[in-house]
Protein backbone atom coordinates (compact mmCIF):
# COMPACT_ATOMS: atom_id res chain seq x y z
CA MET A 1 0.03 0.16 -0.14
CA ARG A 2 2.70 2.43 0.62
CA ARG A 3 4.14 4.62 -2.26
CA ASN A 4 7.93 4.28 -2.90
CA TRP A 5 9.89 7.02 -4.65
CA ARG A 6 13.38 7.65 -5.89
CA ILE A 7 13.66 11.32 -6.72
CA GLY A 8 15.07 11.61 -10.19
CA GLY A 9 14.88 7.58 -10.56
CA SER A 10 12.45 5.18 -12.06
CA ALA A 11 10.23 3.93 -9.19
CA ILE A 12 7.29 6.01 -8.41
CA ILE A 13 4.86 3.58 -6.99
CA GLY A 14 1.18 3.76 -6.39
CA VAL A 15 0.91 7.29 -7.69
CA LEU A 16 -2.56 8.12 -8.54
CA THR A 17 -2.14 11.31 -10.59
CA GLY A 18 -1.80 12.59 -14.19
CA ALA A 19 -3.03 15.25 -16.33
CA VAL A 20 -6.18 14.27 -18.75
CA ALA A 21 -6.51 17.28 -21.10
CA CYS A 22 -6.38 15.89 -24.76
CA SER A 23 -4.27 17.86 -27.16
CA GLY A 24 -3.45 18.22 -30.86
CA GLY A 25 -5.21 19.09 -33.83
CA GLU A 26 -5.77 22.35 -35.78
CA ARG A 27 -9.11 24.18 -34.83
CA PRO A 28 -11.66 23.43 -37.71
CA PRO A 29 -13.48 26.36 -39.06
CA THR A 30 -16.81 27.05 -37.86
CA ASP A 31 -19.56 26.75 -40.32
CA ALA A 32 -22.53 29.48 -39.19
CA THR A 33 -24.11 29.04 -42.21
CA ALA A 34 -24.99 25.35 -42.28
CA SER A 35 -28.42 24.53 -43.53
CA THR A 36 -29.66 21.70 -41.22
CA SER A 37 -30.07 21.19 -37.48
CA PHE A 38 -27.49 18.32 -37.42
CA ALA A 39 -25.07 20.32 -39.58
CA ARG A 40 -25.18 23.17 -37.18
CA ILE A 41 -24.38 20.74 -34.21
CA GLN A 42 -21.43 19.48 -35.91
CA ALA A 43 -20.23 23.00 -37.10
CA GLN A 44 -20.77 25.10 -33.77
CA VAL A 45 -20.76 22.33 -31.11
CA PHE A 46 -18.63 19.43 -32.29
CA ALA A 47 -15.91 21.05 -34.13
CA PRO A 48 -14.84 23.84 -31.79
CA SER A 49 -15.73 21.65 -28.32
CA CYS A 50 -15.24 17.95 -29.11
CA ALA A 51 -13.22 17.36 -32.32
CA PHE A 52 -10.79 20.37 -32.02
CA SER A 53 -9.00 18.93 -28.47
CA ALA A 54 -8.42 15.87 -30.64
CA CYS A 55 -10.23 14.15 -27.85
CA HIS A 56 -12.70 12.84 -30.49
CA ALA A 57 -10.84 13.59 -33.92
CA ILE A 58 -10.08 11.49 -36.81
CA GLY A 59 -7.67 8.75 -35.83
CA ASN A 60 -8.17 8.56 -32.13
CA THR A 61 -8.69 5.22 -30.99
CA SER A 62 -9.66 5.92 -27.30
CA ASN A 63 -12.51 7.80 -25.80
CA SER A 64 -14.90 5.10 -26.74
CA GLY A 65 -13.93 5.27 -30.33
CA LEU A 66 -16.26 8.11 -30.91
CA VAL A 67 -15.24 10.23 -33.88
CA LEU A 68 -16.98 13.33 -34.06
CA ALA A 69 -15.37 15.06 -37.04
CA GLY A 70 -15.23 14.28 -40.68
CA PRO A 71 -17.82 12.16 -42.44
CA GLY A 72 -19.89 9.12 -40.99
CA VAL A 73 -20.67 11.26 -37.59
CA TYR A 74 -24.52 11.08 -37.86
CA GLU A 75 -24.37 7.27 -38.22
CA SER A 76 -21.76 6.70 -35.30
CA LEU A 77 -24.61 8.52 -32.99
CA VAL A 78 -28.08 7.81 -34.40
CA ASN A 79 -29.23 4.38 -32.71
CA ALA A 80 -25.73 3.63 -32.22
CA ALA A 81 -24.48 1.27 -29.28
CA VAL A 82 -22.83 2.76 -26.23
CA THR A 83 -19.44 1.15 -24.92
CA GLN A 84 -20.08 2.70 -21.38
CA PRO A 85 -20.79 -0.41 -19.35
CA VAL A 86 -23.52 0.89 -16.84
CA ALA A 87 -25.37 2.98 -19.66
CA ARG A 88 -25.21 -0.07 -22.14
CA ALA A 89 -26.78 -2.31 -18.99
CA ASP A 90 -29.58 0.33 -18.51
CA GLY A 91 -30.46 0.30 -22.32
CA LEU A 92 -29.12 3.48 -23.54
CA ARG A 93 -28.01 4.15 -26.78
CA ARG A 94 -25.80 7.08 -28.13
CA VAL A 95 -28.81 9.04 -29.58
CA VAL A 96 -32.34 7.27 -29.81
CA ALA A 97 -34.51 9.60 -32.12
CA GLY A 98 -37.25 11.21 -30.10
CA LYS A 99 -35.74 10.06 -26.78
CA PRO A 100 -33.31 12.43 -25.19
CA ASP A 101 -33.54 10.46 -21.61
CA SER A 102 -32.69 7.21 -23.32
CA SER A 103 -29.62 9.12 -25.43
CA LEU A 104 -26.13 8.97 -23.80
CA LEU A 105 -24.95 12.00 -25.90
CA TRP A 106 -27.62 14.31 -23.87
CA HIS A 107 -26.80 12.94 -20.63
CA LYS A 108 -23.13 13.47 -21.04
CA LEU A 109 -23.48 17.07 -22.12
CA SER A 110 -26.25 18.04 -19.75
CA GLY A 111 -24.00 16.69 -17.04
CA PHE A 112 -22.47 20.06 -16.18
CA ILE A 113 -25.88 22.10 -15.52
CA SER A 114 -28.04 19.26 -14.47
CA ASN A 115 -28.12 16.19 -11.88
CA HIS A 116 -28.40 13.64 -14.67
CA HIS A 117 -25.61 11.19 -13.50
CA ALA A 118 -27.73 9.40 -10.46
CA HIS A 119 -26.42 6.34 -12.72
CA ASP A 120 -22.59 6.12 -13.22
CA TRP A 121 -22.78 7.00 -16.85
CA GLY A 122 -19.09 8.43 -16.96
CA SER A 123 -17.61 11.85 -17.03
CA ALA A 124 -19.70 15.04 -17.93
CA MET A 125 -18.22 16.42 -21.42
CA PRO A 126 -16.74 18.33 -22.70
CA TYR A 127 -14.06 16.77 -20.41
CA ALA A 128 -11.68 19.10 -18.64
CA GLY A 129 -12.96 21.80 -20.94
CA GLN A 130 -15.28 24.70 -21.17
CA SER A 131 -18.85 23.51 -20.50
CA LEU A 132 -21.40 24.06 -23.34
CA THR A 133 -24.04 27.01 -22.96
CA ALA A 134 -27.38 26.13 -21.71
CA GLY A 135 -28.63 26.88 -25.29
CA GLN A 136 -26.37 24.64 -27.05
CA ILE A 137 -27.51 21.98 -24.73
CA GLU A 138 -31.25 22.68 -25.18
CA PHE A 139 -30.37 22.76 -28.94
CA ILE A 140 -29.34 19.07 -28.94
CA ARG A 141 -32.08 18.10 -26.69
CA GLN A 142 -34.83 19.53 -29.17
CA TRP A 143 -32.80 18.13 -32.07
CA ILE A 144 -33.01 14.74 -30.50
CA ALA A 145 -36.56 14.99 -29.25
CA GLY A 146 -37.64 16.15 -32.59
CA GLY A 147 -36.60 13.00 -34.37
CA ALA A 148 -32.57 13.60 -34.53
CA SER A 149 -32.99 13.96 -38.37
CA ALA A 150 -30.00 14.53 -40.66
CA THR A 151 -31.77 16.39 -43.03
CA THR A 152 -34.44 18.92 -41.53
CA ASP A 153 -33.72 22.35 -39.95
CA ASN A 154 -36.12 22.46 -37.40
CA VAL A 155 -34.62 23.89 -34.27
CA ASP A 156 -34.07 27.43 -33.71
CA PRO A 157 -30.62 28.38 -34.16
CA GLY A 158 -30.61 31.24 -31.79
CA LEU A 159 -30.22 28.72 -28.96
CA LEU A 160 -26.70 28.43 -30.35
CA SER A 161 -25.74 31.73 -29.28
CA GLY A 162 -25.07 32.93 -25.76
CA THR A 163 -22.40 32.73 -23.01
CA VAL A 164 -21.24 29.78 -20.80
CA ALA A 165 -23.12 29.82 -17.33
CA PRO A 166 -20.59 28.43 -14.79
CA PRO A 167 -21.60 25.05 -13.47
CA SER A 168 -23.39 24.92 -10.38
CA TYR A 169 -21.72 23.06 -7.21
CA ALA A 170 -23.52 21.57 -4.18
CA PRO A 171 -21.38 20.43 -1.49
CA LEU A 172 -22.13 17.54 0.55
CA ALA A 173 -23.83 18.00 3.70
CA VAL A 174 -21.71 16.76 6.86
CA PRO A 175 -22.85 13.31 7.54
CA SER A 176 -24.36 12.94 11.30
CA ASN A 177 -23.39 9.44 11.53
CA GLY A 178 -19.69 10.29 10.55
CA PHE A 179 -17.28 13.00 9.61
CA GLN A 180 -16.10 14.98 6.35
CA VAL A 181 -12.65 16.16 4.85
CA ARG A 182 -12.58 18.80 2.50
CA MET A 183 -10.41 20.34 -0.24
CA THR A 184 -11.16 24.10 0.18
CA PRO A 185 -11.78 26.19 -3.04
CA TYR A 186 -8.46 26.92 -5.25
CA SER A 187 -7.87 28.39 -8.37
CA ILE A 188 -6.54 26.87 -11.71
CA LYS A 189 -5.45 29.29 -14.43
CA ALA A 190 -6.74 29.02 -17.96
CA SER A 191 -4.96 26.30 -20.11
CA SER A 192 -3.26 24.73 -17.40
CA GLU A 193 -3.25 22.04 -14.62
CA ARG A 194 -2.85 22.35 -10.79
CA GLU A 195 -2.53 19.28 -8.34
CA VAL A 196 -2.27 20.20 -4.54
CA PHE A 197 -2.55 18.29 -0.92
CA LEU A 198 -4.01 19.80 2.50
CA TYR A 199 -3.09 17.60 5.45
CA THR A 200 -6.28 17.76 7.73
CA PRO A 201 -7.87 16.34 11.01
CA ALA A 202 -10.32 13.66 10.22
CA GLY A 203 -12.28 15.21 13.49
CA ASN A 204 -12.51 11.68 15.30
CA THR A 205 -11.61 11.60 18.84
CA GLN A 206 -11.82 8.17 19.23
CA GLU A 207 -11.29 4.93 17.11
CA THR A 208 -13.61 4.91 14.31
CA TRP A 209 -14.97 2.34 11.63
CA VAL A 210 -15.97 3.69 8.28
CA ASN A 211 -18.18 1.33 6.10
CA ARG A 212 -19.26 4.06 3.53
CA VAL A 213 -17.39 6.50 1.42
CA GLN A 214 -19.00 9.43 -0.47
CA THR A 215 -17.06 11.80 -3.08
CA ASN A 216 -18.15 14.93 -4.58
CA MET A 217 -16.20 17.55 -6.42
CA ARG A 218 -16.45 20.41 -9.14
CA VAL A 219 -16.38 19.34 -12.72
CA GLY A 220 -12.96 19.40 -14.38
CA SER A 221 -11.37 17.29 -11.92
CA HIS A 222 -9.08 14.35 -12.85
CA HIS A 223 -8.95 13.12 -9.46
CA PHE A 224 -9.70 13.22 -5.63
CA VAL A 225 -7.69 11.14 -3.18
CA ILE A 226 -7.53 10.84 0.46
CA TYR A 227 -4.26 9.44 2.16
CA SER A 228 -3.09 8.39 5.29
CA PHE A 229 0.47 8.14 6.13
CA ALA A 230 2.56 5.03 7.11
CA ALA A 231 3.61 4.52 10.68
CA ASN A 232 7.42 4.69 9.78
CA THR A 233 6.84 8.14 8.10
CA PRO A 234 10.01 10.63 9.53
CA SER A 235 8.49 13.28 11.57
CA PHE A 236 10.13 15.93 9.17
CA PHE A 237 8.12 14.77 6.09
CA ILE A 238 4.83 14.83 7.95
CA PRO A 239 3.26 17.91 6.21
CA GLN A 240 2.05 21.29 8.23
CA ALA A 241 -1.52 20.82 9.34
CA ASN A 242 -4.11 22.94 7.17
CA ALA A 243 -1.40 24.26 4.86
CA LEU A 244 -2.22 23.86 1.20
CA ARG A 245 0.66 22.16 -0.72
CA GLU A 246 1.58 22.21 -4.22
CA LEU A 247 3.00 19.49 -6.54
CA LYS A 248 4.84 21.65 -8.79
CA ASN A 249 6.52 25.17 -8.52
CA ALA A 250 5.44 28.07 -10.56
CA ASP A 251 8.23 27.48 -12.77
CA GLY A 252 6.92 23.91 -13.53
CA THR A 253 9.56 22.09 -11.35
CA TYR A 254 8.37 19.35 -8.83
CA GLN A 255 8.32 20.41 -5.01
CA LEU A 256 10.63 18.15 -3.61
CA GLY A 257 9.08 18.17 -0.10
CA THR A 258 5.76 17.02 -1.71
CA LEU A 259 7.31 14.33 -3.57
CA ALA A 260 9.03 13.00 -0.31
CA ALA A 261 5.92 13.20 1.50
CA MET A 262 3.89 11.22 -1.39
CA GLY A 263 6.59 8.40 -0.49
CA TYR A 264 4.76 7.61 2.48
CA HIS A 265 1.31 7.74 1.32
CA ILE A 266 -1.22 5.00 2.16
CA PHE A 267 -4.13 4.85 -0.06
CA PHE A 268 -7.18 5.23 1.92
CA ALA A 269 -10.05 6.32 -0.53
CA GLY A 270 -10.78 8.50 -3.75
CA SER A 271 -12.46 8.70 -7.24
CA GLN A 272 -12.13 9.93 -10.50
CA ALA A 273 -15.74 10.67 -11.01
CA ALA A 274 -17.44 13.80 -10.12
CA ALA A 275 -19.73 12.03 -7.74
CA SER A 276 -19.24 8.62 -6.24
CA ASP A 277 -20.43 6.40 -3.31
CA TYR A 278 -19.16 3.32 -2.34
CA THR A 279 -20.41 1.03 0.64
CA PHE A 280 -18.61 -1.99 1.93
CA PRO A 281 -20.34 -5.23 2.38
CA ALA A 282 -22.18 -6.04 5.70
CA GLY A 283 -19.46 -6.56 8.64
CA VAL A 284 -16.53 -5.07 6.43
CA ALA A 285 -15.20 -1.54 7.36
CA MET A 286 -11.91 0.23 7.56
CA ARG A 287 -10.42 1.55 10.74
CA ILE A 288 -9.39 5.22 11.39
CA ALA A 289 -7.31 5.74 14.71
CA ALA A 290 -8.44 8.19 17.34
CA GLY A 291 -7.46 11.67 16.46
CA ALA A 292 -6.40 10.76 12.80
CA MET A 293 -4.98 13.26 10.11
CA LEU A 294 -5.53 12.56 6.53
CA ASP A 295 -3.83 14.10 3.50
CA VAL A 296 -6.25 15.26 0.73
CA ASN A 297 -5.30 15.30 -2.74
CA SER A 298 -7.12 17.41 -5.38
CA HIS A 299 -6.02 17.50 -9.05
CA TYR A 300 -7.72 19.58 -11.76
CA VAL A 301 -6.94 20.12 -15.48
CA ASN A 302 -8.38 23.35 -17.24
CA SER A 303 -8.64 23.36 -20.89
CA THR A 304 -10.76 26.34 -20.87
CA THR A 305 -9.65 30.00 -21.76
CA LYS A 306 -10.80 31.22 -18.24
CA GLU A 307 -9.83 30.45 -14.64
CA ILE A 308 -11.79 27.70 -12.94
CA THR A 309 -12.18 26.89 -9.42
CA GLY A 310 -11.33 23.13 -7.68
CA GLU A 311 -13.32 21.77 -4.78
CA ALA A 312 -14.17 18.70 -3.39
CA GLU A 313 -15.23 16.90 -0.27
CA ALA A 314 -15.40 13.44 1.22
CA ASN A 315 -18.05 11.98 3.68
CA PHE A 316 -17.02 9.03 5.66
CA TYR A 317 -20.06 7.20 7.47
CA THR A 318 -19.51 5.20 10.41
CA VAL A 319 -20.94 2.19 12.08
CA PRO A 320 -20.51 0.89 15.91
CA ALA A 321 -17.43 -1.45 16.21
CA SER A 322 -19.75 -4.40 17.40
CA GLN A 323 -20.90 -4.29 13.70
CA VAL A 324 -17.50 -4.94 12.51
CA GLN A 325 -16.22 -8.50 11.57
CA PHE A 326 -13.58 -7.61 9.20
CA GLU A 327 -11.16 -4.71 8.65
CA ALA A 328 -10.70 -3.54 5.22
CA GLN A 329 -7.65 -2.60 3.74
CA ALA A 330 -6.80 -0.76 0.35
CA LEU A 331 -5.39 -2.50 -2.59
CA ASN A 332 -2.94 -0.54 -4.51
CA LEU A 333 -0.98 -2.60 -7.27
CA ALA A 334 1.18 -0.15 -9.38
CA ASN A 335 3.41 -1.29 -12.41
CA THR A 336 5.94 1.39 -12.87
CA ASP A 337 7.91 -0.70 -15.57
CA LEU A 338 6.21 1.01 -18.76
CA THR A 339 7.79 1.82 -21.71
CA LEU A 340 5.36 2.19 -24.66
CA PRO A 341 7.50 2.54 -28.27
CA ALA A 342 6.43 5.43 -30.60
CA GLY A 343 3.99 4.85 -33.27
CA ARG A 344 2.17 1.61 -32.41
CA ASP A 345 -0.33 0.22 -29.95
CA THR A 346 1.19 -1.68 -27.03
CA THR A 347 -0.26 -4.22 -24.16
CA ILE A 348 1.85 -4.37 -20.94
CA LYS A 349 1.19 -7.28 -18.48
CA LYS A 350 2.23 -7.31 -14.72
CA THR A 351 1.24 -9.86 -11.97
CA PHE A 352 0.88 -9.07 -8.62
CA SER A 353 0.95 -12.04 -6.13
CA PHE A 354 -0.52 -12.19 -2.48
CA MET A 355 1.39 -13.54 0.32
CA LYS A 356 -1.70 -14.36 2.19
CA LEU A 357 -5.46 -15.21 2.09
CA THR A 358 -7.10 -12.17 0.12
CA ARG A 359 -10.68 -11.35 -0.27
CA VAL A 360 -11.09 -8.62 -2.65
CA VAL A 361 -14.40 -6.66 -2.47
CA MET A 362 -13.86 -3.80 -4.96
CA LEU A 363 -11.76 -3.12 -7.89
CA THR A 364 -10.85 0.00 -10.34
CA SER A 365 -8.17 0.90 -12.69
CA HIS A 366 -6.11 4.05 -13.44
CA MET A 367 -4.51 4.91 -16.52
CA HIS A 368 -4.12 8.14 -18.57
CA LYS A 369 -5.40 9.32 -21.90
CA ARG A 370 -3.42 7.04 -23.93
CA GLY A 371 -5.01 4.02 -22.34
CA ILE A 372 -7.33 2.16 -24.36
CA LYS A 373 -8.19 -1.16 -22.37
CA PHE A 374 -7.42 -2.04 -18.87
CA VAL A 375 -8.21 -5.60 -17.94
CA VAL A 376 -7.60 -7.52 -14.67
CA ARG A 377 -7.45 -10.99 -14.82
CA ILE A 378 -6.97 -13.91 -11.81
CA SER A 379 -3.02 -15.33 -11.60
CA GLY A 380 -2.61 -18.67 -10.36
CA GLY A 381 -4.96 -21.30 -8.98
CA ALA A 382 -8.24 -23.22 -10.63
CA ARG A 383 -9.05 -19.84 -12.03
CA ASN A 384 -5.85 -18.62 -13.72
CA GLY A 385 -6.25 -16.48 -16.42
CA GLU A 386 -10.13 -15.82 -15.60
CA LEU A 387 -11.32 -12.28 -16.46
CA VAL A 388 -12.56 -10.43 -13.26
CA TYR A 389 -12.46 -6.59 -14.47
CA GLN A 390 -12.47 -4.54 -17.80
CA ASN A 391 -12.67 -0.85 -18.37
CA ASP A 392 -12.27 1.07 -21.77
CA THR A 393 -12.15 4.55 -20.32
CA TRP A 394 -9.11 6.15 -18.71
CA ASP A 395 -10.96 9.42 -17.69
CA HIS A 396 -13.88 7.46 -15.87
CA PRO A 397 -12.82 4.06 -14.94
CA SER A 398 -15.59 1.58 -14.12
CA ILE A 399 -15.76 0.39 -10.03
CA LEU A 400 -16.49 -3.12 -10.02
CA THR A 401 -18.34 -3.86 -6.45
CA LEU A 402 -18.31 -7.69 -5.24
CA THR A 403 -20.93 -8.48 -2.92
CA THR A 404 -19.29 -11.86 -2.80
CA PRO A 405 -15.67 -11.28 -2.32
CA LEU A 406 -13.25 -12.76 -4.94
CA ILE A 407 -11.17 -15.13 -2.79
CA LEU A 408 -7.46 -15.55 -3.85
CA GLN A 409 -5.21 -17.97 -1.77
CA ALA A 410 -1.65 -17.03 -0.93
CA GLY A 411 0.55 -17.39 -4.14
CA GLU A 412 -2.36 -16.17 -6.18
CA GLY A 413 -2.97 -12.92 -7.29
CA LEU A 414 -4.01 -10.42 -9.91
CA THR A 415 -2.65 -9.47 -13.56
CA SER A 416 -3.11 -6.29 -14.98
CA GLU A 417 -3.18 -6.20 -18.62
CA VAL A 418 -3.17 -2.79 -20.35
CA THR A 419 -3.45 -1.58 -23.75
CA TYR A 420 -2.26 1.87 -24.83
CA ARG A 421 -1.84 3.89 -27.93
CA GLY A 422 1.36 4.83 -28.73
CA ASP A 423 2.45 8.54 -29.32
CA PRO A 424 3.55 8.65 -33.06
CA SER A 425 6.58 10.63 -32.54
CA LYS A 426 7.93 9.52 -29.03
CA ILE A 427 8.56 6.83 -26.40
CA VAL A 428 6.14 7.05 -23.21
CA ARG A 429 6.88 6.02 -19.97
CA PHE A 430 5.38 5.86 -16.40
CA GLY A 431 5.24 9.19 -14.60
CA LEU A 432 3.21 11.92 -12.98
CA THR A 433 2.67 14.44 -16.15
CA SER A 434 0.06 14.49 -18.69
CA GLU A 435 2.71 13.12 -21.41
CA ASP A 436 3.47 10.10 -18.94
CA GLU A 437 1.49 6.73 -18.38
CA MET A 438 0.12 4.91 -15.49
CA ASP A 439 -1.05 1.42 -14.74
CA ILE A 440 -2.48 0.88 -11.15
CA ILE A 441 -5.00 -1.66 -9.78
CA PHE A 442 -6.91 -0.13 -7.15
CA GLY A 443 -9.61 -1.63 -4.53
CA TYR A 444 -10.53 -2.81 -1.06
CA TRP A 445 -9.95 -6.50 0.33
CA TYR A 446 -9.70 -7.95 3.80
């Protein structure tokens, strides 16, 4: 569970960081004279907000393989199957003519201004960029509701003008049967990213057992993670309480004190989703010592032309010790030996074996923007090679909740099998920046 570093070396184990902004591509012209409603959407919404960043540009094999530029866009949307597993299970398609509520496109775009993500259908879009205007979103809703035609001009084009209203944010209320830790609001400059830490008290005066973790953060965040520190952390590496710490200096170099402290982090909880809510199986809970301090970590990427605000909080719900049979532990399996050749896709495998009986109750993954598919298989034993987890999106990894634990005997383990899209011009390795990659299995076990 501990993260080990060699400053300037190759070992950086268990780091949950990394920028997510898509990049590249020349901004296509806006065609304000488009003669159909769908052509207006392509020219005035998809081109500047979705395809320009290269996230959904021609040739991009990530982001569900959805291309929103060039020919064939209409066919790739209307009545097309979705790849996001929860949306697929809920019966959604990318666009269902006449039915916005059955259309994943509508839910993804409206997630900034409404609470459409009661189901975990992935990140709101545009990801890490400026949200669409209310008029643009309403234009798309009316286009879908009116039949999602490729040839008619039946939606008021005036809706496409207007300014962007800042997304509203409703912080979580402090739980009556638990406690809350927060990353206080901080600014992220236009076209930049910022990662900060805050060492803060949990607020529990006696030993506490947590069986549910709920997180919430403003849109545009790559992750929100809470750590504790290993028992053997040198006192001079323990951060000052309630003082905001930067990952990087103003000149782009790393804060060495922050890096040194990260080497003693123990993953406690976190999410990449704007909102998440995880409950442990009955009888399983995490122990928090009396008077605990937690290191809160927030990372935002701002691909817009304006300054944005980062903010997040986590609620920890508690249960009496009498209800706890098993103490939950964090699962943090990181492969730092990543070398992705230029110009081609690469699949990298890494096996992690356990020294004792391990009951896994939750699995999720972490990779960066070049990640195409993240697979976890059982290693060893009668179920050797069995697929137990698969995720096809780097920006919003699926979470596998196992109500019946995955039981692994001593000597057995898990293998990560990750496929990456190669950079056309350079070798990519493991690291913290937006040009690096990661391969981490996170979860809980007892």
